Amino acid sequence: MGLREQITEDMKAAMRAKETGKLNTIRLLIAEIKRKEVDERIEVNDTQVVAIVEKMIKQRKDSITQFEAGGRADLADIEKAELAVLVAYMPAGLSDEEVAAEVAAAVAASGATGPQDMGKVMAIVKPKLAGRADMGAVSALIKKALAPA
């Protein structure tokens, strides 16, 4: 079963169990998937669904930060609940050692010698690690690996 089918099944289960918070979050996710399909006139695959989920997770994290800074714990709690639902659809993350090994392999494969080659390394790493690692942390590891000694 693909990720999209799993999301649909989870929506049905949430309806039966009358879990309104989870149901609303899943409906938002499905709406975002359909919006992408309509806008780009494509049928999304699992990789694209993961990218959509990743984007929604990032939005929730930003919202939580803003709400907590504004003293709105009630709204932050709602966002945290949505975040918990969305995280369940992400593939298993890689450990720091696995990410570092992928970065080292990409640096070697690209023949990168300095910071100017960061784009080459990212082009190799991004397809392998997207959705499985924090790309901000990956970028920082690449910068560190390419920094002049």
C-alpha atoms as a PDB file:
ATOM      1  CA  MET A   1       0.000   0.000   0.000  1.00  0.00           C
ATOM      2  CA  GLY A   2       1.334   3.402  -0.978  1.00  0.00           C
ATOM      3  CA  LEU A   3       1.612   6.348   1.354  1.00  0.00           C
ATOM      4  CA  ARG A   4      -1.375   8.097  -0.185  1.00  0.00           C
ATOM      5  CA  GLU A   5      -3.573   5.030   0.323  1.00  0.00           C
ATOM      6  CA  GLN A   6      -2.334   4.786   3.917  1.00  0.00           C
ATOM      7  CA  ILE A   7      -3.351   8.413   4.519  1.00  0.00           C
ATOM      8  CA  THR A   8      -6.819   7.722   3.109  1.00  0.00           C
ATOM      9  CA  GLU A   9      -7.214   4.629   5.309  1.00  0.00           C
ATOM     10  CA  ASP A  10      -6.078   6.623   8.360  1.00  0.00           C
ATOM     11  CA  MET A  11      -8.687   9.265   7.531  1.00  0.00           C
ATOM     12  CA  LYS A  12     -11.418   6.612   7.453  1.00  0.00           C
ATOM     13  CA  ALA A  13     -10.204   5.157  10.752  1.00  0.00           C
ATOM     14  CA  ALA A  14     -10.154   8.618  12.348  1.00  0.00           C
ATOM     15  CA  MET A  15     -13.733   9.194  11.154  1.00  0.00           C
ATOM     16  CA  ARG A  16     -14.885   5.909  12.681  1.00  0.00           C
ATOM     17  CA  ALA A  17     -13.092   6.643  15.952  1.00  0.00           C
ATOM     18  CA  LYS A  18     -14.392  10.235  15.966  1.00  0.00           C
ATOM     19  CA  GLU A  19     -10.854  11.638  16.415  1.00  0.00           C
ATOM     20  CA  THR A  20     -11.598  15.135  15.155  1.00  0.00           C
ATOM     21  CA  GLY A  21      -8.097  16.570  15.635  1.00  0.00           C
ATOM     22  CA  LYS A  22      -6.432  13.782  13.702  1.00  0.00           C
ATOM     23  CA  LEU A  23      -9.174  13.818  11.080  1.00  0.00           C
ATOM     24  CA  ASN A  24      -8.791  17.566  10.472  1.00  0.00           C
ATOM     25  CA  THR A  25      -5.025  17.249  10.088  1.00  0.00           C
ATOM     26  CA  ILE A  26      -5.345  14.360   7.638  1.00  0.00           C
ATOM     27  CA  ARG A  27      -7.936  16.303   5.651  1.00  0.00           C
ATOM     28  CA  LEU A  28      -5.514  19.242   5.437  1.00  0.00           C
ATOM     29  CA  LEU A  29      -2.831  16.880   4.162  1.00  0.00           C
ATOM     30  CA  ILE A  30      -5.132  15.343   1.554  1.00  0.00           C
ATOM     31  CA  ALA A  31      -6.210  18.819   0.422  1.00  0.00           C
ATOM     32  CA  GLU A  32      -2.563  19.825   0.011  1.00  0.00           C
ATOM     33  CA  ILE A  33      -1.865  16.671  -2.023  1.00  0.00           C
ATOM     34  CA  LYS A  34      -4.873  17.334  -4.275  1.00  0.00           C
ATOM     35  CA  ARG A  35      -3.873  20.985  -4.666  1.00  0.00           C
ATOM     36  CA  LYS A  36      -0.448  19.915  -5.927  1.00  0.00           C
ATOM     37  CA  GLU A  37      -2.011  17.430  -8.327  1.00  0.00           C
ATOM     38  CA  VAL A  38      -4.401  20.015  -9.745  1.00  0.00           C
ATOM     39  CA  ASP A  39      -1.816  22.796  -9.960  1.00  0.00           C
ATOM     40  CA  GLU A  40       0.789  20.650 -11.702  1.00  0.00           C
ATOM     41  CA  ARG A  41      -1.616  18.275 -13.492  1.00  0.00           C
ATOM     42  CA  ILE A  42       0.192  15.216 -12.194  1.00  0.00           C
ATOM     43  CA  GLU A  43      -0.497  12.274  -9.923  1.00  0.00           C
ATOM     44  CA  VAL A  44       1.799  12.508  -6.932  1.00  0.00           C
ATOM     45  CA  ASN A  45       4.004   9.577  -5.931  1.00  0.00           C
ATOM     46  CA  ASP A  46       5.213   8.651  -2.445  1.00  0.00           C
ATOM     47  CA  THR A  47       8.322  10.839  -2.759  1.00  0.00           C
ATOM     48  CA  GLN A  48       6.197  13.887  -3.547  1.00  0.00           C
ATOM     49  CA  VAL A  49       3.794  13.070  -0.700  1.00  0.00           C
ATOM     50  CA  VAL A  50       6.761  12.941   1.691  1.00  0.00           C
ATOM     51  CA  ALA A  51       7.894  16.347   0.390  1.00  0.00           C
ATOM     52  CA  ILE A  52       4.411  17.753   1.053  1.00  0.00           C
ATOM     53  CA  VAL A  53       4.376  16.271   4.565  1.00  0.00           C
ATOM     54  CA  GLU A  54       7.864  17.660   5.188  1.00  0.00           C
ATOM     55  CA  LYS A  55       6.699  21.132   4.140  1.00  0.00           C
ATOM     56  CA  MET A  56       3.662  20.918   6.422  1.00  0.00           C
ATOM     57  CA  ILE A  57       5.859  19.783   9.329  1.00  0.00           C
ATOM     58  CA  LYS A  58       8.131  22.770   8.798  1.00  0.00           C
ATOM     59  CA  GLN A  59       5.099  25.085   8.790  1.00  0.00           C
ATOM     60  CA  ARG A  60       3.847  23.566  12.051  1.00  0.00           C
ATOM     61  CA  LYS A  61       7.243  23.971  13.724  1.00  0.00           C
ATOM     62  CA  ASP A  62       7.400  27.621  12.635  1.00  0.00           C
ATOM     63  CA  SER A  63       3.870  28.200  13.930  1.00  0.00           C
ATOM     64  CA  ILE A  64       4.665  26.583  17.272  1.00  0.00           C
ATOM     65  CA  THR A  65       7.669  28.872  17.687  1.00  0.00           C
ATOM     66  CA  GLN A  66       5.604  31.952  16.828  1.00  0.00           C
ATOM     67  CA  PHE A  67       2.689  31.010  19.088  1.00  0.00           C
ATOM     68  CA  GLU A  68       4.948  30.258  22.030  1.00  0.00           C
ATOM     69  CA  ALA A  69       6.775  33.560  21.535  1.00  0.00           C
ATOM     70  CA  GLY A  70       3.394  35.313  21.471  1.00  0.00           C
ATOM     71  CA  GLY A  71       2.208  33.606  24.642  1.00  0.00           C
ATOM     72  CA  ARG A  72      -0.495  31.570  22.886  1.00  0.00           C
ATOM     73  CA  ALA A  73       0.034  28.125  24.414  1.00  0.00           C
ATOM     74  CA  ASP A  74      -3.478  27.053  23.369  1.00  0.00           C
ATOM     75  CA  LEU A  75      -2.705  27.530  19.672  1.00  0.00           C
ATOM     76  CA  ALA A  76       0.775  26.025  20.076  1.00  0.00           C
ATOM     77  CA  ASP A  77      -0.823  22.880  21.543  1.00  0.00           C
ATOM     78  CA  ILE A  78      -3.088  22.532  18.500  1.00  0.00           C
ATOM     79  CA  GLU A  79      -0.074  22.838  16.189  1.00  0.00           C
ATOM     80  CA  LYS A  80       1.850  20.272  18.264  1.00  0.00           C
ATOM     81  CA  ALA A  81      -1.027  17.800  17.920  1.00  0.00           C
ATOM     82  CA  GLU A  82      -1.057  18.331  14.143  1.00  0.00           C
ATOM     83  CA  LEU A  83       2.718  17.916  14.062  1.00  0.00           C
ATOM     84  CA  ALA A  84       2.447  14.549  15.835  1.00  0.00           C
ATOM     85  CA  VAL A  85      -0.022  13.310  13.210  1.00  0.00           C
ATOM     86  CA  LEU A  86       2.144  14.494  10.304  1.00  0.00           C
ATOM     87  CA  VAL A  87       5.388  13.026  11.674  1.00  0.00           C
ATOM     88  CA  ALA A  88       3.805   9.567  11.515  1.00  0.00           C
ATOM     89  CA  TYR A  89       3.884   9.763   7.692  1.00  0.00           C
ATOM     90  CA  MET A  90       7.604  10.481   7.459  1.00  0.00           C
ATOM     91  CA  PRO A  91       9.984   7.631   6.630  1.00  0.00           C
ATOM     92  CA  ALA A  92      12.362   6.460   9.351  1.00  0.00           C
ATOM     93  CA  GLY A  93      15.088   9.013   9.894  1.00  0.00           C
ATOM     94  CA  LEU A  94      18.776   8.323   9.513  1.00  0.00           C
ATOM     95  CA  SER A  95      21.217   8.489  12.400  1.00  0.00           C
ATOM     96  CA  ASP A  96      23.837  11.243  12.529  1.00  0.00           C
ATOM     97  CA  GLU A  97      26.531   8.718  11.598  1.00  0.00           C
ATOM     98  CA  GLU A  98      24.597   7.556   8.527  1.00  0.00           C
ATOM     99  CA  VAL A  99      24.058  11.154   7.399  1.00  0.00           C
ATOM    100  CA  ALA A 100      27.755  11.959   7.915  1.00  0.00           C
ATOM    101  CA  ALA A 101      28.720   8.870   5.885  1.00  0.00           C
ATOM    102  CA  GLU A 102      26.406   9.909   3.024  1.00  0.00           C
ATOM    103  CA  VAL A 103      27.873  13.433   3.050  1.00  0.00           C
ATOM    104  CA  ALA A 104      31.443  12.080   3.037  1.00  0.00           C
ATOM    105  CA  ALA A 105      30.601   9.740   0.145  1.00  0.00           C
ATOM    106  CA  ALA A 106      28.985  12.589  -1.818  1.00  0.00           C
ATOM    107  CA  VAL A 107      31.994  14.865  -1.262  1.00  0.00           C
ATOM    108  CA  ALA A 108      34.295  12.108  -2.538  1.00  0.00           C
ATOM    109  CA  ALA A 109      32.030  11.261  -5.497  1.00  0.00           C
ATOM    110  CA  SER A 110      31.704  14.875  -6.628  1.00  0.00           C
ATOM    111  CA  GLY A 111      35.409  15.645  -6.271  1.00  0.00           C
ATOM    112  CA  ALA A 112      34.499  18.758  -4.291  1.00  0.00           C
ATOM    113  CA  THR A 113      37.464  20.749  -3.031  1.00  0.00           C
ATOM    114  CA  GLY A 114      35.985  23.815  -1.406  1.00  0.00           C
ATOM    115  CA  PRO A 115      32.855  25.784  -0.492  1.00  0.00           C
ATOM    116  CA  GLN A 116      32.281  26.709  -4.142  1.00  0.00           C
ATOM    117  CA  ASP A 117      31.448  23.035  -4.834  1.00  0.00           C
ATOM    118  CA  MET A 118      28.626  22.863  -2.280  1.00  0.00           C
ATOM    119  CA  GLY A 119      25.960  22.770  -5.017  1.00  0.00           C
ATOM    120  CA  LYS A 120      27.529  19.677  -6.583  1.00  0.00           C
ATOM    121  CA  VAL A 121      27.519  17.844  -3.247  1.00  0.00           C
ATOM    122  CA  MET A 122      23.939  18.903  -2.428  1.00  0.00           C
ATOM    123  CA  ALA A 123      22.786  17.654  -5.844  1.00  0.00           C
ATOM    124  CA  ILE A 124      24.109  14.188  -4.958  1.00  0.00           C
ATOM    125  CA  VAL A 125      22.942  14.132  -1.325  1.00  0.00           C
ATOM    126  CA  LYS A 126      19.460  15.667  -1.583  1.00  0.00           C
ATOM    127  CA  PRO A 127      17.726  12.842  -3.491  1.00  0.00           C
ATOM    128  CA  LYS A 128      19.154  10.253  -1.080  1.00  0.00           C
ATOM    129  CA  LEU A 129      18.374  12.077   2.162  1.00  0.00           C
ATOM    130  CA  ALA A 130      15.239  14.102   1.411  1.00  0.00           C
ATOM    131  CA  GLY A 131      12.591  13.271   3.982  1.00  0.00           C
ATOM    132  CA  ARG A 132      14.983  11.106   5.980  1.00  0.00           C
ATOM    133  CA  ALA A 133      17.237  13.812   7.430  1.00  0.00           C
ATOM    134  CA  ASP A 134      17.047  17.494   8.325  1.00  0.00           C
ATOM    135  CA  MET A 135      18.394  19.177   5.198  1.00  0.00           C
ATOM    136  CA  GLY A 136      19.538  22.193   7.237  1.00  0.00           C
ATOM    137  CA  ALA A 137      21.783  19.923   9.290  1.00  0.00           C
ATOM    138  CA  VAL A 138      22.971  18.180   6.118  1.00  0.00           C
ATOM    139  CA  SER A 139      23.881  21.557   4.620  1.00  0.00           C
ATOM    140  CA  ALA A 140      25.863  22.436   7.741  1.00  0.00           C
ATOM    141  CA  LEU A 141      27.736  19.106   7.536  1.00  0.00           C
ATOM    142  CA  ILE A 142      28.600  19.766   3.894  1.00  0.00           C
ATOM    143  CA  LYS A 143      29.860  23.264   4.717  1.00  0.00           C
ATOM    144  CA  LYS A 144      32.002  21.808   7.494  1.00  0.00           C
ATOM    145  CA  ALA A 145      33.386  19.089   5.187  1.00  0.00           C
ATOM    146  CA  LEU A 146      34.243  21.618   2.477  1.00  0.00           C
ATOM    147  CA  ALA A 147      35.675  24.266   4.773  1.00  0.00           C
ATOM    148  CA  PRO A 148      39.359  25.003   4.206  1.00  0.00           C
ATOM    149  CA  ALA A 149      41.483  23.298   6.850  1.00  0.00           C
END
